[in-house]
């Protein structure tokens, strides 16, 4: 099993262990954080992974599972 987070067709993060990539996707989509904590998380991730505002996609074994939008901060 391979999980991937993509943005603009580019793979930002990939793993075959089945847990961390979906969790990070939820973090990026604001499901696990809100308010100030979410903004701080996004600022950190943007610097480290090159994530930008816009649509992100979660894939499992090449199949689109979910999309989310990262807001401008």
C-alpha atoms as a PDB file:
ATOM      1  CA  UNK A   1       0.000   0.000   0.000  1.00  0.00           C
ATOM      2  CA  UNK A   2       1.313   3.439  -0.926  1.00  0.00           C
ATOM      3  CA  UNK A   3      -0.133   6.722   0.336  1.00  0.00           C
ATOM      4  CA  UNK A   4       0.732  10.040  -1.312  1.00  0.00           C
ATOM      5  CA  UNK A   5      -0.124  13.683  -0.807  1.00  0.00           C
ATOM      6  CA  UNK A   6      -0.003  15.621  -4.070  1.00  0.00           C
ATOM      7  CA  UNK A   7      -0.338  19.273  -4.963  1.00  0.00           C
ATOM      8  CA  UNK A   8      -0.439  20.499  -8.561  1.00  0.00           C
ATOM      9  CA  UNK A   9       0.452  16.988  -9.743  1.00  0.00           C
ATOM     10  CA  UNK A  10       3.632  16.886  -7.652  1.00  0.00           C
ATOM     11  CA  UNK A  11       4.114  14.328  -4.873  1.00  0.00           C
ATOM     12  CA  UNK A  12       4.794  16.185  -1.632  1.00  0.00           C
ATOM     13  CA  UNK A  13       4.905  13.179   0.676  1.00  0.00           C
ATOM     14  CA  UNK A  14       4.790   9.429   0.161  1.00  0.00           C
ATOM     15  CA  UNK A  15       4.913   6.358   2.392  1.00  0.00           C
ATOM     16  CA  UNK A  16       3.946   2.728   2.422  1.00  0.00           C
ATOM     17  CA  UNK A  17       3.310   2.333   6.145  1.00  0.00           C
ATOM     18  CA  UNK A  18      -0.361   3.386   6.028  1.00  0.00           C
ATOM     19  CA  UNK A  19      -0.637   5.840   8.931  1.00  0.00           C
ATOM     20  CA  UNK A  20       1.529   8.951   8.746  1.00  0.00           C
ATOM     21  CA  UNK A  21       0.542  10.291   5.310  1.00  0.00           C
ATOM     22  CA  UNK A  22      -3.240  10.227   5.985  1.00  0.00           C
ATOM     23  CA  UNK A  23      -2.591  11.832   9.397  1.00  0.00           C
ATOM     24  CA  UNK A  24      -0.485  14.590   7.830  1.00  0.00           C
ATOM     25  CA  UNK A  25      -3.188  15.102   5.193  1.00  0.00           C
ATOM     26  CA  UNK A  26      -5.714  15.605   8.012  1.00  0.00           C
ATOM     27  CA  UNK A  27      -3.338  18.055   9.679  1.00  0.00           C
ATOM     28  CA  UNK A  28      -2.941  20.012   6.436  1.00  0.00           C
ATOM     29  CA  UNK A  29      -6.679  20.052   5.798  1.00  0.00           C
ATOM     30  CA  UNK A  30      -7.436  21.466   9.255  1.00  0.00           C
ATOM     31  CA  UNK A  31      -9.174  18.380  10.623  1.00  0.00           C
ATOM     32  CA  UNK A  32      -6.711  17.916  13.492  1.00  0.00           C
ATOM     33  CA  UNK A  33      -5.936  21.584  14.262  1.00  0.00           C
ATOM     34  CA  UNK A  34      -7.756  24.897  14.201  1.00  0.00           C
ATOM     35  CA  UNK A  35      -7.161  28.575  14.801  1.00  0.00           C
ATOM     36  CA  UNK A  36      -3.693  29.727  15.775  1.00  0.00           C
ATOM     37  CA  UNK A  37      -2.330  26.189  16.127  1.00  0.00           C
ATOM     38  CA  UNK A  38      -3.402  25.397  12.535  1.00  0.00           C
ATOM     39  CA  UNK A  39      -1.838  28.597  11.156  1.00  0.00           C
ATOM     40  CA  UNK A  40       1.443  27.873  12.956  1.00  0.00           C
ATOM     41  CA  UNK A  41       1.433  24.300  11.660  1.00  0.00           C
ATOM     42  CA  UNK A  42       0.865  25.514   8.079  1.00  0.00           C
ATOM     43  CA  UNK A  43       3.678  28.048   8.326  1.00  0.00           C
ATOM     44  CA  UNK A  44       6.095  25.341   9.448  1.00  0.00           C
ATOM     45  CA  UNK A  45       4.991  22.815   6.841  1.00  0.00           C
ATOM     46  CA  UNK A  46       5.123  25.362   4.026  1.00  0.00           C
ATOM     47  CA  UNK A  47       8.780  26.059   4.775  1.00  0.00           C
ATOM     48  CA  UNK A  48       9.766  22.400   5.187  1.00  0.00           C
ATOM     49  CA  UNK A  49       7.728  20.675   2.455  1.00  0.00           C
ATOM     50  CA  UNK A  50       6.985  23.433  -0.021  1.00  0.00           C
ATOM     51  CA  UNK A  51       3.231  23.190   0.482  1.00  0.00           C
ATOM     52  CA  UNK A  52       1.340  26.245  -0.742  1.00  0.00           C
ATOM     53  CA  UNK A  53      -2.224  27.519  -0.522  1.00  0.00           C
ATOM     54  CA  UNK A  54      -4.569  25.618  -2.804  1.00  0.00           C
ATOM     55  CA  UNK A  55      -5.844  22.114  -3.359  1.00  0.00           C
ATOM     56  CA  UNK A  56      -4.093  19.028  -2.016  1.00  0.00           C
ATOM     57  CA  UNK A  57      -5.003  15.437  -2.790  1.00  0.00           C
ATOM     58  CA  UNK A  58      -4.629  12.187  -0.861  1.00  0.00           C
ATOM     59  CA  UNK A  59      -3.992   9.070  -2.956  1.00  0.00           C
ATOM     60  CA  UNK A  60      -3.815   5.434  -1.899  1.00  0.00           C
ATOM     61  CA  UNK A  61      -2.282   3.066  -4.423  1.00  0.00           C
ATOM     62  CA  UNK A  62      -2.845   5.635  -7.159  1.00  0.00           C
ATOM     63  CA  UNK A  63      -6.546   6.153  -6.389  1.00  0.00           C
ATOM     64  CA  UNK A  64      -7.750   9.587  -5.286  1.00  0.00           C
ATOM     65  CA  UNK A  65      -9.219   9.250  -1.791  1.00  0.00           C
ATOM     66  CA  UNK A  66      -9.832  12.844  -0.728  1.00  0.00           C
ATOM     67  CA  UNK A  67      -9.155  16.468  -1.617  1.00  0.00           C
ATOM     68  CA  UNK A  68      -8.801  19.484   0.661  1.00  0.00           C
ATOM     69  CA  UNK A  69      -7.950  23.150   0.320  1.00  0.00           C
ATOM     70  CA  UNK A  70      -5.122  24.817   2.185  1.00  0.00           C
ATOM     71  CA  UNK A  71      -6.071  28.457   2.831  1.00  0.00           C
ATOM     72  CA  UNK A  72      -3.941  31.538   2.393  1.00  0.00           C
ATOM     73  CA  UNK A  73      -2.564  32.631   5.753  1.00  0.00           C
END
